[in-house]
Amino acid sequence: MQQQTINLTEQEIMNDALSSEKQIISAYGTFLAESTCENLRSEMAKIINDKQQIQFEIFDTM
């Protein structure tokens, strides 16, 4: 089986990274909304905030 090489442009890589961050934030938001443990909710809120900052930095770089 021969290995394929995929050449992506920088723009395609950035779009993929931005899309991935959006999906992660959405999933974490659902988890946060459905969690009943206050400590876990607090930690998830911090993680979501961090992910939103990363998403902004990716978008701003584009």
C-alpha atoms as a PDB file:
ATOM      1  CA  MET A   1       0.000   0.000   0.000  1.00  0.00           C
ATOM      2  CA  GLN A   2       1.459   3.313  -1.082  1.00  0.00           C
ATOM      3  CA  GLN A   3       1.384   6.293   1.266  1.00  0.00           C
ATOM      4  CA  GLN A   4      -0.393   9.391  -0.042  1.00  0.00           C
ATOM      5  CA  THR A   5       0.945  12.861   0.544  1.00  0.00           C
ATOM      6  CA  ILE A   6      -1.617  15.588   1.071  1.00  0.00           C
ATOM      7  CA  ASN A   7      -0.426  19.124   0.486  1.00  0.00           C
ATOM      8  CA  LEU A   8      -2.548  21.688   2.281  1.00  0.00           C
ATOM      9  CA  THR A   9      -2.172  25.420   1.992  1.00  0.00           C
ATOM     10  CA  GLU A  10      -1.599  27.501   5.099  1.00  0.00           C
ATOM     11  CA  GLN A  11      -5.132  28.889   4.707  1.00  0.00           C
ATOM     12  CA  GLU A  12      -6.609  25.369   4.616  1.00  0.00           C
ATOM     13  CA  ILE A  13      -4.677  24.413   7.742  1.00  0.00           C
ATOM     14  CA  MET A  14      -5.875  27.540   9.565  1.00  0.00           C
ATOM     15  CA  ASN A  15      -9.480  26.914   8.481  1.00  0.00           C
ATOM     16  CA  ASP A  16      -9.233  23.341   9.759  1.00  0.00           C
ATOM     17  CA  ALA A  17      -7.785  24.498  13.087  1.00  0.00           C
ATOM     18  CA  LEU A  18     -10.517  27.126  13.480  1.00  0.00           C
ATOM     19  CA  SER A  19     -13.237  24.604  12.653  1.00  0.00           C
ATOM     20  CA  SER A  20     -11.785  22.120  15.136  1.00  0.00           C
ATOM     21  CA  GLU A  21     -11.732  24.716  17.915  1.00  0.00           C
ATOM     22  CA  LYS A  22     -15.369  25.608  17.215  1.00  0.00           C
ATOM     23  CA  GLN A  23     -16.387  21.948  17.449  1.00  0.00           C
ATOM     24  CA  ILE A  24     -14.451  21.453  20.680  1.00  0.00           C
ATOM     25  CA  ILE A  25     -15.998  24.559  22.276  1.00  0.00           C
ATOM     26  CA  SER A  26     -19.467  23.373  21.287  1.00  0.00           C
ATOM     27  CA  ALA A  27     -18.911  19.921  22.774  1.00  0.00           C
ATOM     28  CA  TYR A  28     -17.436  21.348  25.966  1.00  0.00           C
ATOM     29  CA  GLY A  29     -20.374  23.754  26.246  1.00  0.00           C
ATOM     30  CA  THR A  30     -22.819  20.869  26.085  1.00  0.00           C
ATOM     31  CA  PHE A  31     -20.826  18.994  28.710  1.00  0.00           C
ATOM     32  CA  LEU A  32     -20.768  22.073  30.945  1.00  0.00           C
ATOM     33  CA  ALA A  33     -24.525  22.575  30.642  1.00  0.00           C
ATOM     34  CA  GLU A  34     -25.215  18.956  31.583  1.00  0.00           C
ATOM     35  CA  SER A  35     -22.728  18.665  34.458  1.00  0.00           C
ATOM     36  CA  THR A  36     -23.996  18.704  38.037  1.00  0.00           C
ATOM     37  CA  CYS A  37     -20.627  18.816  39.843  1.00  0.00           C
ATOM     38  CA  GLU A  38     -19.766  22.434  40.655  1.00  0.00           C
ATOM     39  CA  ASN A  39     -15.995  21.824  40.704  1.00  0.00           C
ATOM     40  CA  LEU A  40     -16.156  20.134  37.314  1.00  0.00           C
ATOM     41  CA  ARG A  41     -18.346  22.928  35.929  1.00  0.00           C
ATOM     42  CA  SER A  42     -15.835  25.508  37.121  1.00  0.00           C
ATOM     43  CA  GLU A  43     -12.914  23.703  35.483  1.00  0.00           C
ATOM     44  CA  MET A  44     -14.831  23.213  32.234  1.00  0.00           C
ATOM     45  CA  ALA A  45     -15.691  26.923  32.172  1.00  0.00           C
ATOM     46  CA  LYS A  46     -11.970  27.735  32.486  1.00  0.00           C
ATOM     47  CA  ILE A  47     -11.128  25.306  29.678  1.00  0.00           C
ATOM     48  CA  ILE A  48     -13.835  26.795  27.454  1.00  0.00           C
ATOM     49  CA  ASN A  49     -12.468  30.273  28.116  1.00  0.00           C
ATOM     50  CA  ASP A  50      -8.966  29.097  27.165  1.00  0.00           C
ATOM     51  CA  LYS A  51     -10.282  27.436  23.998  1.00  0.00           C
ATOM     52  CA  GLN A  52     -12.152  30.620  23.043  1.00  0.00           C
ATOM     53  CA  GLN A  53      -8.913  32.566  23.377  1.00  0.00           C
ATOM     54  CA  ILE A  54      -7.141  30.043  21.134  1.00  0.00           C
ATOM     55  CA  GLN A  55      -9.994  30.268  18.623  1.00  0.00           C
ATOM     56  CA  PHE A  56      -9.688  34.069  18.575  1.00  0.00           C
ATOM     57  CA  GLU A  57      -5.920  33.881  18.091  1.00  0.00           C
ATOM     58  CA  ILE A  58      -6.338  31.506  15.144  1.00  0.00           C
ATOM     59  CA  PHE A  59      -8.998  33.756  13.607  1.00  0.00           C
ATOM     60  CA  ASP A  60      -6.904  36.865  14.197  1.00  0.00           C
ATOM     61  CA  THR A  61      -3.897  35.206  12.537  1.00  0.00           C
ATOM     62  CA  MET A  62      -5.932  34.401   9.449  1.00  0.00           C
END
